[in-house]
Amino acid sequence: MSLTNEQYDTIMRIYSRRQADNRFRQKERQQAVYDAIPAFADLETEISSLQASRARLMLDDQAGQARCCADRLHTLCEQRNHLLAEHGFPADYLKPHYICPDCQDTGYIGRQKCHCFRQAEIDLLYHQSNLRQVLERENFSHFREDYYPEDMIDPGTGLSSRRLAQTALAEAHRFIEAFSQTPPNLFLYGSTGTGKTFLTNCIAKELLERSFSVLYFSSGQLFDRFSRHSFSSEKEDDDFRYHVFDCDLLIIDDLGTEMVNAFVSSQLFLLINERLMRRKSTVISTNLTPENFLNTYSERIFSRISSSYQILKLFGDDIRLRKKLLEHTVS
């Protein structure tokens, strides 16, 4: 699925607005400095004039005079920085403040799409605009250990619900910190309502804020897409596979709730294997235990996951019910 001209123009208008907003805010900051430091405007004018003179001298091959210009420029720039600091302004106060410093809010680095453009493309093509709204609610700052009781023991591991949650939380933080060096993978399992989706959203928010591309699918949506693109044009199929194979993080939520058949199993193996070969991270959440997962899918899929994924368990009551109980107790 590739962008239509209209969709491309929609994204580029976003970048145009960012650039216009940035110029407006930069002028506001500049005026604030001029109001606080009356002599600053003249200093800026002198610096600009010297920069132009130095450029002309270098073009005229007058190296000695150009060096004198450079020395004077250095002195004036230090004076400018001192004045800013003296009046409580940060050193970069007058510089552009980009949302994406890598492409300077243009969407491109050279002729290549920036990572921020790729994420905008993913959001538009796969209707992820509401994901960021969800992440404002579901993130690490809202993770509560008291939803996981200490006195509820998981018979499979012998650990308490809270201890398992604390372990999963610590591993999620390690996942994020290791992301740019050694792309990790997570397989998160547990019964319905134990916070698996919440934890994957915590990870997604942190990585989006660090400018990584994140693509989210429920398992049903993912395999429906695979099915539809199997019968689409070669170009559309290539674009879809590029996004699911090459995004920095792919999240597959509720794996096992789709209708499992030979097509689903083959596409899941292809997806897991391809992303491992490309060294791209994947997070899978499921209600299936590892044993049930092995029985539902093929042994080769389970082998890939057991050897290449960190497997974590969440255990406890449905958090939505426990949340209501806690709120009732407080009130």
Protein backbone atom coordinates (compact mmCIF):
# COMPACT_ATOMS: atom_id res chain seq x y z
CA MET A 1 0.00 0.00 0.00
CA SER A 2 1.69 3.18 -1.19
CA LEU A 3 0.76 6.80 -0.60
CA THR A 4 -1.57 8.46 -3.07
CA ASN A 5 -0.63 11.95 -4.24
CA GLU A 6 -3.27 13.34 -1.90
CA GLN A 7 -1.88 11.43 1.08
CA TYR A 8 1.66 12.53 0.25
CA ASP A 9 0.50 16.16 0.04
CA THR A 10 -1.26 15.76 3.40
CA ILE A 11 2.01 14.72 5.06
CA MET A 12 4.02 17.45 3.35
CA ARG A 13 1.48 20.06 4.51
CA ILE A 14 2.18 18.93 8.06
CA TYR A 15 5.89 19.62 7.51
CA SER A 16 5.10 23.00 5.94
CA ARG A 17 3.06 23.95 9.02
CA ARG A 18 5.86 22.82 11.32
CA GLN A 19 8.37 24.98 9.43
CA ALA A 20 6.05 28.01 9.48
CA ASP A 21 5.33 27.55 13.20
CA ASN A 22 9.04 27.19 13.90
CA ARG A 23 9.85 30.43 12.04
CA PHE A 24 7.10 32.25 13.95
CA ARG A 25 8.28 30.98 17.34
CA GLN A 26 11.89 31.80 16.47
CA LYS A 27 10.89 35.41 15.67
CA GLU A 28 9.02 35.59 18.97
CA ARG A 29 12.12 34.41 20.84
CA GLN A 30 14.26 36.88 18.91
CA GLN A 31 11.95 39.76 19.86
CA ALA A 32 12.03 38.68 23.50
CA VAL A 33 15.84 38.92 23.43
CA TYR A 34 15.78 42.32 21.71
CA ASP A 35 13.34 43.62 24.33
CA ALA A 36 15.52 42.35 27.18
CA ILE A 37 18.88 43.36 25.63
CA PRO A 38 18.55 46.58 23.56
CA ALA A 39 22.12 46.33 22.22
CA PHE A 40 21.64 42.77 20.98
CA ALA A 41 20.12 43.69 17.59
CA ASP A 42 23.16 45.83 16.67
CA LEU A 43 25.46 43.00 17.75
CA GLU A 44 23.58 40.54 15.52
CA THR A 45 23.81 42.96 12.59
CA GLU A 46 27.57 43.30 13.05
CA ILE A 47 28.00 39.53 13.22
CA SER A 48 25.99 39.05 10.01
CA SER A 49 28.01 41.76 8.25
CA LEU A 50 31.31 40.18 9.31
CA GLN A 51 30.17 36.72 8.15
CA ALA A 52 29.40 38.14 4.70
CA SER A 53 32.74 40.00 4.58
CA ARG A 54 34.66 36.86 5.56
CA ALA A 55 32.96 34.88 2.81
CA ARG A 56 33.89 37.51 0.21
CA LEU A 57 37.50 37.63 1.41
CA MET A 58 37.81 33.85 1.15
CA LEU A 59 36.42 33.94 -2.39
CA ASP A 60 38.95 36.67 -3.26
CA ASP A 61 41.73 34.50 -1.83
CA GLN A 62 42.61 37.05 0.87
CA ALA A 63 43.38 34.50 3.58
CA GLY A 64 45.08 36.92 6.00
CA GLN A 65 42.17 39.35 6.15
CA ALA A 66 39.72 36.44 6.30
CA ARG A 67 41.51 35.15 9.43
CA CYS A 68 41.27 38.59 11.04
CA CYS A 69 37.57 38.56 10.27
CA ALA A 70 37.23 35.11 11.79
CA ASP A 71 38.97 36.23 15.01
CA ARG A 72 36.66 39.22 15.31
CA LEU A 73 33.66 36.97 14.66
CA HIS A 74 34.75 34.60 17.41
CA THR A 75 35.00 37.50 19.87
CA LEU A 76 31.56 38.84 18.95
CA CYS A 77 29.93 35.39 19.15
CA GLU A 78 31.39 34.88 22.63
CA GLN A 79 30.05 38.31 23.58
CA ARG A 80 26.61 37.34 22.22
CA ASN A 81 26.58 34.07 24.20
CA HIS A 82 27.67 35.92 27.35
CA LEU A 83 24.85 38.44 26.97
CA LEU A 84 22.29 35.67 26.53
CA ALA A 85 23.51 33.81 29.61
CA GLU A 86 23.70 37.02 31.64
CA HIS A 87 20.02 37.68 30.96
CA GLY A 88 18.90 34.11 31.63
CA PHE A 89 18.53 32.86 28.05
CA PRO A 90 19.85 29.38 27.05
CA ALA A 91 22.70 29.31 24.52
CA ASP A 92 20.43 27.77 21.84
CA TYR A 93 17.50 30.11 22.52
CA LEU A 94 17.68 31.84 19.13
CA LYS A 95 18.28 28.68 17.12
CA PRO A 96 15.43 26.80 15.39
CA HIS A 97 13.79 24.25 17.69
CA TYR A 98 12.89 21.37 15.38
CA ILE A 99 10.41 18.62 16.19
CA CYS A 100 12.76 16.33 14.23
CA PRO A 101 16.32 17.67 14.31
CA ASP A 102 17.51 14.92 11.96
CA CYS A 103 15.64 16.27 8.92
CA GLN A 104 15.00 19.77 10.34
CA ASP A 105 11.26 19.20 9.83
CA THR A 106 11.55 18.72 6.07
CA GLY A 107 10.69 15.00 6.05
CA TYR A 108 13.83 14.16 4.07
CA ILE A 109 17.52 13.63 4.74
CA GLY A 110 19.06 14.23 1.35
CA ARG A 111 16.83 12.26 -1.00
CA GLN A 112 15.84 9.66 1.58
CA LYS A 113 12.66 9.78 3.66
CA CYS A 114 13.42 10.60 7.28
CA HIS A 115 12.32 8.20 10.03
CA CYS A 116 9.69 10.76 11.06
CA PHE A 117 8.23 10.71 7.52
CA ARG A 118 8.15 6.91 7.63
CA GLN A 119 6.19 7.03 10.88
CA ALA A 120 3.79 9.62 9.45
CA GLU A 121 3.36 7.32 6.45
CA ILE A 122 2.63 4.35 8.72
CA ASP A 123 0.14 6.35 10.80
CA LEU A 124 -1.73 7.48 7.70
CA LEU A 125 -1.74 4.18 5.81
CA TYR A 126 -2.65 2.02 8.80
CA HIS A 127 -4.95 4.45 10.64
CA GLN A 128 -2.72 4.74 13.70
CA SER A 129 -3.59 8.36 14.45
CA ASN A 130 -5.57 7.27 17.52
CA LEU A 131 -2.61 5.25 18.84
CA ARG A 132 -0.87 8.37 20.16
CA GLN A 133 -4.04 9.35 22.06
CA VAL A 134 -4.10 5.90 23.66
CA LEU A 135 -0.41 6.25 24.59
CA GLU A 136 -1.14 9.42 26.54
CA ARG A 137 -3.11 7.21 28.93
CA GLU A 138 -1.21 3.95 28.65
CA ASN A 139 2.44 4.61 29.48
CA PHE A 140 4.98 3.91 32.20
CA SER A 141 3.86 6.87 34.32
CA HIS A 142 0.43 5.20 34.69
CA PHE A 143 1.71 1.68 35.39
CA ARG A 144 0.55 0.59 38.86
CA GLU A 145 2.00 -2.37 40.71
CA ASP A 146 -0.88 -2.42 43.18
CA TYR A 147 -3.09 -3.87 40.45
CA TYR A 148 -1.03 -7.05 40.90
CA PRO A 149 -1.60 -8.60 44.36
CA GLU A 150 1.34 -9.94 46.31
CA ASP A 151 -0.75 -12.74 47.80
CA MET A 152 -1.81 -14.18 44.43
CA ILE A 153 0.68 -16.89 43.48
CA ASP A 154 1.05 -18.23 39.97
CA PRO A 155 1.14 -22.04 40.24
CA GLY A 156 3.24 -22.34 37.09
CA THR A 157 6.16 -20.23 38.30
CA GLY A 158 5.62 -20.10 42.06
CA LEU A 159 5.93 -16.30 41.88
CA SER A 160 3.42 -13.70 42.97
CA SER A 161 1.37 -11.68 40.54
CA ARG A 162 3.26 -8.55 41.63
CA ARG A 163 6.70 -10.14 41.27
CA LEU A 164 5.88 -11.23 37.72
CA ALA A 165 4.64 -7.71 36.91
CA GLN A 166 7.79 -6.14 38.38
CA THR A 167 9.94 -8.49 36.30
CA ALA A 168 8.00 -7.68 33.13
CA LEU A 169 8.25 -3.95 33.85
CA ALA A 170 12.02 -4.14 34.40
CA GLU A 171 12.47 -6.15 31.20
CA ALA A 172 10.38 -3.62 29.26
CA HIS A 173 12.72 -0.84 30.40
CA ARG A 174 15.75 -2.97 29.44
CA PHE A 175 14.14 -3.63 26.06
CA ILE A 176 13.94 0.12 25.41
CA GLU A 177 17.48 0.87 26.55
CA ALA A 178 18.94 -1.95 24.42
CA PHE A 179 16.80 -1.14 21.40
CA SER A 180 19.30 0.83 19.32
CA GLN A 181 22.25 -1.50 20.01
CA THR A 182 20.90 -5.06 19.90
CA PRO A 183 17.32 -5.12 18.59
CA PRO A 184 15.44 -7.23 21.17
CA ASN A 185 12.18 -9.19 20.88
CA LEU A 186 9.48 -9.83 23.48
CA PHE A 187 6.84 -12.54 23.81
CA LEU A 188 4.38 -11.50 26.49
CA TYR A 189 1.71 -13.95 27.60
CA GLY A 190 -1.01 -14.14 30.24
CA SER A 191 -4.76 -14.34 30.62
CA THR A 192 -7.15 -11.61 29.46
CA GLY A 193 -6.93 -8.32 31.34
CA THR A 194 -3.50 -8.78 32.94
CA GLY A 195 -1.97 -5.70 31.26
CA LYS A 196 -0.16 -7.16 28.26
CA THR A 197 -1.46 -4.55 25.80
CA PHE A 198 -0.85 -1.80 28.36
CA LEU A 199 2.81 -2.83 28.68
CA THR A 200 3.31 -3.01 24.90
CA ASN A 201 1.83 0.50 24.66
CA CYS A 202 4.32 1.70 27.29
CA ILE A 203 7.14 0.41 25.09
CA ALA A 204 5.61 1.92 21.95
CA LYS A 205 5.33 5.39 23.51
CA GLU A 206 8.95 5.44 24.65
CA LEU A 207 10.27 4.35 21.26
CA LEU A 208 8.07 6.76 19.32
CA GLU A 209 9.42 9.58 21.49
CA ARG A 210 12.95 8.42 20.60
CA SER A 211 12.07 8.70 16.87
CA PHE A 212 11.81 5.00 16.07
CA SER A 213 9.07 3.84 13.69
CA VAL A 214 6.37 1.72 15.35
CA LEU A 215 3.66 -0.29 13.59
CA TYR A 216 0.82 -1.79 15.64
CA PHE A 217 -1.59 -4.53 14.56
CA SER A 218 -4.03 -6.74 16.38
CA SER A 219 -3.47 -10.27 15.09
CA GLY A 220 -6.80 -10.22 13.25
CA GLN A 221 -5.93 -6.97 11.47
CA LEU A 222 -2.45 -8.20 10.57
CA PHE A 223 -3.49 -11.43 8.87
CA ASP A 224 -6.47 -9.76 7.22
CA ARG A 225 -3.94 -7.36 5.66
CA PHE A 226 -1.73 -10.24 4.56
CA SER A 227 -4.74 -11.94 2.99
CA ARG A 228 -5.90 -8.83 1.13
CA HIS A 229 -2.43 -7.95 -0.11
CA SER A 230 -1.92 -11.47 -1.46
CA PHE A 231 -4.50 -10.55 -4.09
CA SER A 232 -3.49 -6.91 -4.60
CA SER A 233 -1.08 -5.43 -7.12
CA GLU A 234 2.60 -6.28 -6.81
CA LYS A 235 3.41 -2.65 -5.92
CA GLU A 236 0.84 -2.52 -3.10
CA ASP A 237 2.00 -5.89 -1.76
CA ASP A 238 5.66 -4.78 -1.82
CA ASP A 239 4.81 -1.56 0.06
CA PHE A 240 2.88 -3.43 2.75
CA ARG A 241 5.63 -5.99 3.24
CA TYR A 242 8.22 -3.23 3.37
CA HIS A 243 6.39 -1.62 6.30
CA VAL A 244 5.77 -4.82 8.29
CA PHE A 245 9.23 -6.27 7.60
CA ASP A 246 11.26 -3.09 8.00
CA CYS A 247 9.64 -0.83 10.63
CA ASP A 248 11.82 -0.46 13.73
CA LEU A 249 9.23 -2.07 16.02
CA LEU A 250 6.30 -4.26 15.03
CA ILE A 251 3.68 -4.98 17.70
CA ILE A 252 1.36 -7.97 17.20
CA ASP A 253 -1.34 -7.80 19.84
CA ASP A 254 -3.56 -10.72 20.93
CA LEU A 255 -1.90 -13.32 18.74
CA GLY A 256 -4.05 -16.44 18.78
CA THR A 257 -7.41 -14.66 18.59
CA GLU A 258 -7.37 -14.82 14.77
CA MET A 259 -8.67 -17.84 12.86
CA VAL A 260 -5.55 -20.00 12.61
CA ASN A 261 -5.03 -21.92 9.39
CA ALA A 262 -2.17 -22.92 7.10
CA PHE A 263 -2.06 -19.46 5.49
CA VAL A 264 -1.84 -17.69 8.87
CA SER A 265 0.89 -20.03 10.12
CA SER A 266 2.96 -19.61 6.97
CA GLN A 267 2.67 -15.80 7.04
CA LEU A 268 3.51 -15.67 10.75
CA PHE A 269 6.65 -17.75 10.22
CA LEU A 270 7.64 -15.59 7.24
CA LEU A 271 7.13 -12.42 9.28
CA ILE A 272 9.03 -13.60 12.36
CA ASN A 273 11.87 -15.07 10.31
CA GLU A 274 12.20 -12.07 7.99
CA ARG A 275 12.33 -9.57 10.85
CA LEU A 276 14.92 -11.66 12.68
CA MET A 277 17.11 -11.72 9.58
CA ARG A 278 16.70 -7.95 9.17
CA ARG A 279 17.49 -7.43 12.88
CA LYS A 280 14.17 -5.67 13.50
CA SER A 281 12.39 -5.86 16.85
CA THR A 282 9.00 -7.46 17.39
CA VAL A 283 6.72 -7.55 20.44
CA ILE A 284 4.04 -10.25 20.55
CA SER A 285 1.29 -10.44 23.17
CA THR A 286 -1.00 -13.46 23.51
CA ASN A 287 -3.42 -15.19 25.85
CA LEU A 288 -1.85 -18.52 24.88
CA THR A 289 0.62 -20.26 27.16
CA PRO A 290 3.83 -21.41 25.46
CA GLU A 291 2.44 -24.96 25.44
CA ASN A 292 -0.84 -23.88 23.82
CA PHE A 293 1.09 -21.69 21.39
CA LEU A 294 3.15 -24.70 20.28
CA ASN A 295 -0.04 -26.71 19.73
CA THR A 296 -1.74 -23.85 17.84
CA TYR A 297 1.10 -22.94 15.49
CA SER A 298 3.96 -24.91 14.03
CA GLU A 299 7.00 -26.18 15.88
CA ARG A 300 9.32 -24.10 13.68
CA ILE A 301 7.48 -20.89 14.71
CA PHE A 302 7.74 -21.83 18.37
CA SER A 303 11.42 -22.66 17.89
CA ARG A 304 12.13 -19.19 16.44
CA ILE A 305 10.32 -17.49 19.32
CA SER A 306 11.79 -19.60 22.12
CA SER A 307 15.34 -19.05 20.81
CA SER A 308 15.12 -15.36 19.83
CA TYR A 309 12.51 -13.75 22.12
CA GLN A 310 12.49 -12.82 25.79
CA ILE A 311 9.44 -14.68 27.15
CA LEU A 312 7.54 -12.91 29.96
CA LYS A 313 4.41 -13.81 31.87
CA LEU A 314 1.76 -11.63 33.50
CA PHE A 315 -0.59 -13.27 35.98
CA GLY A 316 -3.55 -12.08 38.00
CA ASP A 317 -7.16 -10.97 37.94
CA ASP A 318 -8.62 -8.80 35.21
CA ILE A 319 -7.08 -5.39 35.95
CA ARG A 320 -10.21 -3.58 34.82
CA LEU A 321 -12.19 -5.28 37.61
CA ARG A 322 -9.43 -4.75 40.17
CA LYS A 323 -9.21 -1.07 39.18
CA LYS A 324 -12.93 -0.64 39.87
CA LEU A 325 -12.56 -2.37 43.24
CA LEU A 326 -9.64 -0.12 44.22
CA GLU A 327 -11.54 3.00 43.14
CA HIS A 328 -14.57 1.86 45.16
CA THR A 329 -12.36 1.25 48.22
CA VAL A 330 -10.81 4.74 47.95
CA SER A 331 -14.19 6.44 47.57
